[in-house]
Structure formats: structure tokens, C-alpha cells
All heavy atoms as atom14 arrays in JSON, in Angstrom:
{
  "sequence": "LGEVSSSGITDCTGGIVGYIIEGKAIALWTKAT",
  "atom14_mask": [
    [1, 1, 1, 1, 1, 1, 1, 1, 0, 0, 0, 0, 0, 0],
    [1, 1, 1, 1, 0, 0, 0, 0, 0, 0, 0, 0, 0, 0],
    [1, 1, 1, 1, 1, 1, 1, 1, 1, 0, 0, 0, 0, 0],
    [1, 1, 1, 1, 1, 1, 1, 0, 0, 0, 0, 0, 0, 0],
    [1, 1, 1, 1, 1, 1, 0, 0, 0, 0, 0, 0, 0, 0],
    [1, 1, 1, 1, 1, 1, 0, 0, 0, 0, 0, 0, 0, 0],
    [1, 1, 1, 1, 1, 1, 0, 0, 0, 0, 0, 0, 0, 0],
    [1, 1, 1, 1, 0, 0, 0, 0, 0, 0, 0, 0, 0, 0],
    [1, 1, 1, 1, 1, 1, 1, 1, 0, 0, 0, 0, 0, 0],
    [1, 1, 1, 1, 1, 1, 1, 0, 0, 0, 0, 0, 0, 0],
    [1, 1, 1, 1, 1, 1, 1, 1, 0, 0, 0, 0, 0, 0],
    [1, 1, 1, 1, 1, 1, 0, 0, 0, 0, 0, 0, 0, 0],
    [1, 1, 1, 1, 1, 1, 1, 0, 0, 0, 0, 0, 0, 0],
    [1, 1, 1, 1, 0, 0, 0, 0, 0, 0, 0, 0, 0, 0],
    [1, 1, 1, 1, 0, 0, 0, 0, 0, 0, 0, 0, 0, 0],
    [1, 1, 1, 1, 1, 1, 1, 1, 0, 0, 0, 0, 0, 0],
    [1, 1, 1, 1, 1, 1, 1, 0, 0, 0, 0, 0, 0, 0],
    [1, 1, 1, 1, 0, 0, 0, 0, 0, 0, 0, 0, 0, 0],
    [1, 1, 1, 1, 1, 1, 1, 1, 1, 1, 1, 1, 0, 0],
    [1, 1, 1, 1, 1, 1, 1, 1, 0, 0, 0, 0, 0, 0],
    [1, 1, 1, 1, 1, 1, 1, 1, 0, 0, 0, 0, 0, 0],
    [1, 1, 1, 1, 1, 1, 1, 1, 1, 0, 0, 0, 0, 0],
    [1, 1, 1, 1, 0, 0, 0, 0, 0, 0, 0, 0, 0, 0],
    [1, 1, 1, 1, 1, 1, 1, 1, 1, 0, 0, 0, 0, 0],
    [1, 1, 1, 1, 1, 0, 0, 0, 0, 0, 0, 0, 0, 0],
    [1, 1, 1, 1, 1, 1, 1, 1, 0, 0, 0, 0, 0, 0],
    [1, 1, 1, 1, 1, 0, 0, 0, 0, 0, 0, 0, 0, 0],
    [1, 1, 1, 1, 1, 1, 1, 1, 0, 0, 0, 0, 0, 0],
    [1, 1, 1, 1, 1, 1, 1, 1, 1, 1, 1, 1, 1, 1],
    [1, 1, 1, 1, 1, 1, 1, 0, 0, 0, 0, 0, 0, 0],
    [1, 1, 1, 1, 1, 1, 1, 1, 1, 0, 0, 0, 0, 0],
    [1, 1, 1, 1, 1, 0, 0, 0, 0, 0, 0, 0, 0, 0],
    [1, 1, 1, 1, 1, 1, 1, 0, 0, 0, 0, 0, 0, 0]
  ],
  "atom14_positions": [
    [[79.79, 28.23, -65.08], [80.18, 29.01, -63.9], [80.08, 30.5, -64.15], [80.33, 31.3, -63.25], [81.61, 28.66, -63.49], [81.81, 27.27, -62.9], [83.28, 26.88, -62.92], [81.26, 27.21, -61.48], [0.0, 0.0, 0.0], [0.0, 0.0, 0.0], [0.0, 0.0, 0.0], [0.0, 0.0, 0.0], [0.0, 0.0, 0.0], [0.0, 0.0, 0.0]],
    [[79.75, 30.9, -65.38], [79.7, 32.32, -65.73], [78.36, 32.96, -65.41], [77.34, 32.28, -65.28], [0.0, 0.0, 0.0], [0.0, 0.0, 0.0], [0.0, 0.0, 0.0], [0.0, 0.0, 0.0], [0.0, 0.0, 0.0], [0.0, 0.0, 0.0], [0.0, 0.0, 0.0], [0.0, 0.0, 0.0], [0.0, 0.0, 0.0], [0.0, 0.0, 0.0]],
    [[78.37, 34.29, -65.31], [77.12, 35.03, -65.13], [76.46, 35.22, -66.48], [77.12, 35.53, -67.46], [77.4, 36.39, -64.49], [77.95, 36.3, -63.07], [76.97, 35.65, -62.11], [75.75, 35.82, -62.3], [77.42, 34.95, -61.2], [0.0, 0.0, 0.0], [0.0, 0.0, 0.0], [0.0, 0.0, 0.0], [0.0, 0.0, 0.0], [0.0, 0.0, 0.0]],
    [[75.17, 35.0, -66.54], [74.42, 35.13, -67.79], [73.35, 36.2, -67.61], [72.56, 36.14, -66.68], [73.75, 33.79, -68.18], [72.93, 33.96, -69.46], [74.8, 32.71, -68.37], [0.0, 0.0, 0.0], [0.0, 0.0, 0.0], [0.0, 0.0, 0.0], [0.0, 0.0, 0.0], [0.0, 0.0, 0.0], [0.0, 0.0, 0.0], [0.0, 0.0, 0.0]],
    [[73.37, 37.19, -68.49], [72.37, 38.24, -68.4], [72.05, 38.77, -69.78], [72.82, 38.6, -70.72], [72.86, 39.39, -67.5], [74.0, 39.99, -68.06], [0.0, 0.0, 0.0], [0.0, 0.0, 0.0], [0.0, 0.0, 0.0], [0.0, 0.0, 0.0], [0.0, 0.0, 0.0], [0.0, 0.0, 0.0], [0.0, 0.0, 0.0], [0.0, 0.0, 0.0]],
    [[70.91, 39.39, -69.91], [70.49, 39.98, -71.17], [69.91, 41.34, -70.91], [69.09, 41.52, -70.0], [69.44, 39.09, -71.85], [68.89, 39.75, -72.97], [0.0, 0.0, 0.0], [0.0, 0.0, 0.0], [0.0, 0.0, 0.0], [0.0, 0.0, 0.0], [0.0, 0.0, 0.0], [0.0, 0.0, 0.0], [0.0, 0.0, 0.0], [0.0, 0.0, 0.0]],
    [[70.32, 42.32, -71.7], [69.77, 43.66, -71.55], [68.55, 43.87, -72.44], [67.98, 44.95, -72.46], [70.84, 44.7, -71.9], [71.29, 44.51, -73.24], [0.0, 0.0, 0.0], [0.0, 0.0, 0.0], [0.0, 0.0, 0.0], [0.0, 0.0, 0.0], [0.0, 0.0, 0.0], [0.0, 0.0, 0.0], [0.0, 0.0, 0.0], [0.0, 0.0, 0.0]],
    [[68.16, 42.81, -73.17], [67.03, 42.94, -74.07], [65.95, 41.93, -73.77], [65.38, 41.92, -72.68], [0.0, 0.0, 0.0], [0.0, 0.0, 0.0], [0.0, 0.0, 0.0], [0.0, 0.0, 0.0], [0.0, 0.0, 0.0], [0.0, 0.0, 0.0], [0.0, 0.0, 0.0], [0.0, 0.0, 0.0], [0.0, 0.0, 0.0], [0.0, 0.0, 0.0]],
    [[65.65, 41.04, -74.72], [64.63, 40.02, -74.53], [65.1, 39.06, -73.43], [66.19, 38.51, -73.5], [64.41, 39.23, -75.83], [64.06, 40.18, -76.98], [63.32, 38.18, -75.65], [62.79, 40.95, -76.79], [0.0, 0.0, 0.0], [0.0, 0.0, 0.0], [0.0, 0.0, 0.0], [0.0, 0.0, 0.0], [0.0, 0.0, 0.0], [0.0, 0.0, 0.0]],
    [[64.3, 38.83, -72.42], [64.73, 38.0, -71.29], [63.91, 36.73, -71.12], [64.06, 36.03, -70.14], [64.67, 38.81, -69.97], [63.31, 39.27, -69.78], [65.61, 40.0, -70.02], [0.0, 0.0, 0.0], [0.0, 0.0, 0.0], [0.0, 0.0, 0.0], [0.0, 0.0, 0.0], [0.0, 0.0, 0.0], [0.0, 0.0, 0.0], [0.0, 0.0, 0.0]],
    [[63.02, 36.42, -72.07], [62.2, 35.22, -71.89], [62.91, 33.96, -72.32], [62.41, 32.86, -72.11], [60.86, 35.36, -72.63], [61.04, 35.55, -74.13], [62.13, 35.97, -74.53], [60.08, 35.28, -74.87], [0.0, 0.0, 0.0], [0.0, 0.0, 0.0], [0.0, 0.0, 0.0], [0.0, 0.0, 0.0], [0.0, 0.0, 0.0], [0.0, 0.0, 0.0]],
    [[64.09, 34.08, -72.93], [64.85, 32.92, -73.37], [66.3, 33.06, -72.92], [67.23, 33.04, -73.72], [64.77, 32.75, -74.89], [63.11, 32.38, -75.49], [0.0, 0.0, 0.0], [0.0, 0.0, 0.0], [0.0, 0.0, 0.0], [0.0, 0.0, 0.0], [0.0, 0.0, 0.0], [0.0, 0.0, 0.0], [0.0, 0.0, 0.0], [0.0, 0.0, 0.0]],
    [[66.49, 33.23, -71.62], [67.81, 33.4, -71.05], [68.0, 32.4, -69.93], [67.17, 32.33, -69.01], [67.99, 34.83, -70.5], [67.78, 35.76, -71.56], [69.39, 35.03, -69.94], [0.0, 0.0, 0.0], [0.0, 0.0, 0.0], [0.0, 0.0, 0.0], [0.0, 0.0, 0.0], [0.0, 0.0, 0.0], [0.0, 0.0, 0.0], [0.0, 0.0, 0.0]],
    [[69.07, 31.59, -70.01], [69.3, 30.57, -68.99], [70.77, 30.35, -68.73], [71.61, 30.57, -69.6], [0.0, 0.0, 0.0], [0.0, 0.0, 0.0], [0.0, 0.0, 0.0], [0.0, 0.0, 0.0], [0.0, 0.0, 0.0], [0.0, 0.0, 0.0], [0.0, 0.0, 0.0], [0.0, 0.0, 0.0], [0.0, 0.0, 0.0], [0.0, 0.0, 0.0]],
    [[71.09, 29.89, -67.54], [72.48, 29.62, -67.19], [73.1, 28.54, -68.05], [74.31, 28.54, -68.27], [0.0, 0.0, 0.0], [0.0, 0.0, 0.0], [0.0, 0.0, 0.0], [0.0, 0.0, 0.0], [0.0, 0.0, 0.0], [0.0, 0.0, 0.0], [0.0, 0.0, 0.0], [0.0, 0.0, 0.0], [0.0, 0.0, 0.0], [0.0, 0.0, 0.0]],
    [[72.28, 27.6, -68.56], [72.79, 26.51, -69.39], [72.44, 26.76, -70.85], [73.31, 26.94, -71.69], [72.24, 25.15, -68.93], [72.56, 24.88, -67.46], [72.82, 24.03, -69.8], [71.81, 23.72, -66.86], [0.0, 0.0, 0.0], [0.0, 0.0, 0.0], [0.0, 0.0, 0.0], [0.0, 0.0, 0.0], [0.0, 0.0, 0.0], [0.0, 0.0, 0.0]],
    [[71.15, 26.72, -71.17], [70.68, 26.95, -72.54], [69.59, 28.01, -72.5], [68.71, 27.98, -71.63], [70.11, 25.65, -73.16], [69.66, 25.89, -74.6], [71.15, 24.54, -73.13], [0.0, 0.0, 0.0], [0.0, 0.0, 0.0], [0.0, 0.0, 0.0], [0.0, 0.0, 0.0], [0.0, 0.0, 0.0], [0.0, 0.0, 0.0], [0.0, 0.0, 0.0]],
    [[69.64, 28.94, -73.46], [68.61, 29.97, -73.51], [67.27, 29.43, -73.95], [66.25, 29.63, -73.28], [0.0, 0.0, 0.0], [0.0, 0.0, 0.0], [0.0, 0.0, 0.0], [0.0, 0.0, 0.0], [0.0, 0.0, 0.0], [0.0, 0.0, 0.0], [0.0, 0.0, 0.0], [0.0, 0.0, 0.0], [0.0, 0.0, 0.0], [0.0, 0.0, 0.0]],
    [[67.25, 28.7, -75.07], [65.99, 28.21, -75.62], [66.23, 26.89, -76.32], [67.13, 26.77, -77.15], [65.42, 29.23, -76.6], [64.04, 28.92, -77.13], [63.07, 28.3, -76.34], [63.69, 29.27, -78.43], [61.79, 28.03, -76.83], [62.41, 29.01, -78.93], [61.46, 28.39, -78.12], [60.21, 28.13, -78.62], [0.0, 0.0, 0.0], [0.0, 0.0, 0.0]],
    [[65.43, 25.89, -75.96], [65.49, 24.58, -76.62], [64.23, 24.39, -77.46], [63.12, 24.38, -76.92], [65.62, 23.43, -75.61], [66.95, 23.53, -74.85], [65.52, 22.08, -76.32], [67.14, 22.46, -73.81], [0.0, 0.0, 0.0], [0.0, 0.0, 0.0], [0.0, 0.0, 0.0], [0.0, 0.0, 0.0], [0.0, 0.0, 0.0], [0.0, 0.0, 0.0]],
    [[64.42, 24.24, -78.76], [63.3, 23.97, -79.66], [63.27, 22.48, -80.01], [62.22, 21.85, -80.03], [63.41, 24.82, -80.94], [63.4, 26.31, -80.58], [62.28, 24.49, -81.92], [63.68, 27.22, -81.75], [0.0, 0.0, 0.0], [0.0, 0.0, 0.0], [0.0, 0.0, 0.0], [0.0, 0.0, 0.0], [0.0, 0.0, 0.0], [0.0, 0.0, 0.0]],
    [[64.46, 21.92, -80.28], [64.57, 20.51, -80.65], [65.7, 19.85, -79.88], [66.63, 20.51, -79.41], [64.84, 20.38, -82.15], [63.7, 20.88, -83.03], [64.06, 20.83, -84.5], [65.01, 21.52, -84.89], [63.39, 20.1, -85.23], [0.0, 0.0, 0.0], [0.0, 0.0, 0.0], [0.0, 0.0, 0.0], [0.0, 0.0, 0.0], [0.0, 0.0, 0.0]],
    [[65.65, 18.53, -79.77], [66.73, 17.78, -79.15], [66.58, 17.66, -77.64], [65.54, 17.95, -77.06], [0.0, 0.0, 0.0], [0.0, 0.0, 0.0], [0.0, 0.0, 0.0], [0.0, 0.0, 0.0], [0.0, 0.0, 0.0], [0.0, 0.0, 0.0], [0.0, 0.0, 0.0], [0.0, 0.0, 0.0], [0.0, 0.0, 0.0], [0.0, 0.0, 0.0]],
    [[67.68, 17.27, -76.99], [67.65, 16.95, -75.57], [68.72, 17.73, -74.81], [69.76, 18.09, -75.34], [67.9, 15.45, -75.37], [66.85, 14.56, -76.02], [67.2, 13.09, -75.84], [66.17, 12.19, -76.5], [66.49, 10.76, -76.35], [0.0, 0.0, 0.0], [0.0, 0.0, 0.0], [0.0, 0.0, 0.0], [0.0, 0.0, 0.0], [0.0, 0.0, 0.0]],
    [[68.44, 17.94, -73.53], [69.4, 18.51, -72.59], [69.52, 17.52, -71.43], [68.53, 17.2, -70.78], [68.94, 19.86, -72.09], [0.0, 0.0, 0.0], [0.0, 0.0, 0.0], [0.0, 0.0, 0.0], [0.0, 0.0, 0.0], [0.0, 0.0, 0.0], [0.0, 0.0, 0.0], [0.0, 0.0, 0.0], [0.0, 0.0, 0.0], [0.0, 0.0, 0.0]],
    [[70.75, 17.03, -71.18], [70.94, 15.94, -70.23], [72.12, 16.22, -69.3], [73.22, 16.55, -69.77], [71.19, 14.61, -70.97], [70.04, 14.28, -71.92], [71.41, 13.46, -69.99], [70.34, 13.17, -72.9], [0.0, 0.0, 0.0], [0.0, 0.0, 0.0], [0.0, 0.0, 0.0], [0.0, 0.0, 0.0], [0.0, 0.0, 0.0], [0.0, 0.0, 0.0]],
    [[71.9, 16.09, -68.0], [72.98, 16.15, -67.01], [73.81, 17.42, -67.12], [75.03, 17.39, -67.16], [73.89, 14.91, -67.13], [0.0, 0.0, 0.0], [0.0, 0.0, 0.0], [0.0, 0.0, 0.0], [0.0, 0.0, 0.0], [0.0, 0.0, 0.0], [0.0, 0.0, 0.0], [0.0, 0.0, 0.0], [0.0, 0.0, 0.0], [0.0, 0.0, 0.0]],
    [[73.12, 18.56, -67.14], [73.76, 19.87, -67.22], [73.55, 20.61, -65.9], [72.56, 20.4, -65.21], [73.15, 20.69, -68.36], [73.04, 20.0, -69.72], [72.24, 20.86, -70.69], [74.41, 19.71, -70.3], [0.0, 0.0, 0.0], [0.0, 0.0, 0.0], [0.0, 0.0, 0.0], [0.0, 0.0, 0.0], [0.0, 0.0, 0.0], [0.0, 0.0, 0.0]],
    [[74.48, 21.52, -65.57], [74.28, 22.33, -64.38], [74.86, 23.72, -64.57], [75.73, 23.95, -65.4], [74.89, 21.67, -63.13], [76.4, 21.58, -63.15], [77.15, 20.55, -63.62], [77.32, 22.59, -62.69], [78.49, 20.84, -63.49], [78.62, 22.09, -62.92], [77.17, 23.85, -62.13], [79.77, 22.82, -62.59], [78.32, 24.58, -61.8], [79.59, 24.05, -62.01]],
    [[74.33, 24.64, -63.8], [74.84, 26.01, -63.77], [74.8, 26.52, -62.35], [73.92, 26.15, -61.57], [74.01, 26.94, -64.68], [74.54, 28.27, -64.61], [72.55, 26.98, -64.27], [0.0, 0.0, 0.0], [0.0, 0.0, 0.0], [0.0, 0.0, 0.0], [0.0, 0.0, 0.0], [0.0, 0.0, 0.0], [0.0, 0.0, 0.0], [0.0, 0.0, 0.0]],
    [[75.77, 27.34, -62.0], [75.63, 28.05, -60.74], [74.5, 29.07, -60.94], [74.16, 29.42, -62.07], [76.92, 28.74, -60.32], [77.26, 30.0, -61.08], [78.44, 30.7, -60.42], [78.62, 32.1, -61.0], [79.71, 32.83, -60.35], [0.0, 0.0, 0.0], [0.0, 0.0, 0.0], [0.0, 0.0, 0.0], [0.0, 0.0, 0.0], [0.0, 0.0, 0.0]],
    [[73.9, 29.53, -59.86], [72.74, 30.39, -59.96], [73.03, 31.61, -60.83], [74.01, 32.31, -60.65], [72.3, 30.84, -58.58], [0.0, 0.0, 0.0], [0.0, 0.0, 0.0], [0.0, 0.0, 0.0], [0.0, 0.0, 0.0], [0.0, 0.0, 0.0], [0.0, 0.0, 0.0], [0.0, 0.0, 0.0], [0.0, 0.0, 0.0], [0.0, 0.0, 0.0]],
    [[72.18, 31.82, -61.81], [72.3, 32.97, -62.71], [70.91, 33.21, -63.28], [69.95, 32.54, -62.89], [73.35, 32.69, -63.8], [73.56, 33.86, -64.58], [72.93, 31.55, -64.72], [0.0, 0.0, 0.0], [0.0, 0.0, 0.0], [0.0, 0.0, 0.0], [0.0, 0.0, 0.0], [0.0, 0.0, 0.0], [0.0, 0.0, 0.0], [0.0, 0.0, 0.0]]
  ]
}
């Protein structure tokens, strides 16, 4: 539910996870950010 922002590198910024290299992301949600 929080606001997510970056003042620097922005190619790996997300409301849930910034960057996934390995593993899984399942049944996650974020309000718009």
C-alpha cells in the first residue's frame, strides 16, 4: 500500500518487487505506484 519511488536508477523499481533474477512471484498486488 506504500508509495515506491527512486531518485536514481529507475529500471528496476516496482510496487511489489524491484527486480527478480531467480525464483517465483505469486499472488502479489500493489496499489498503483
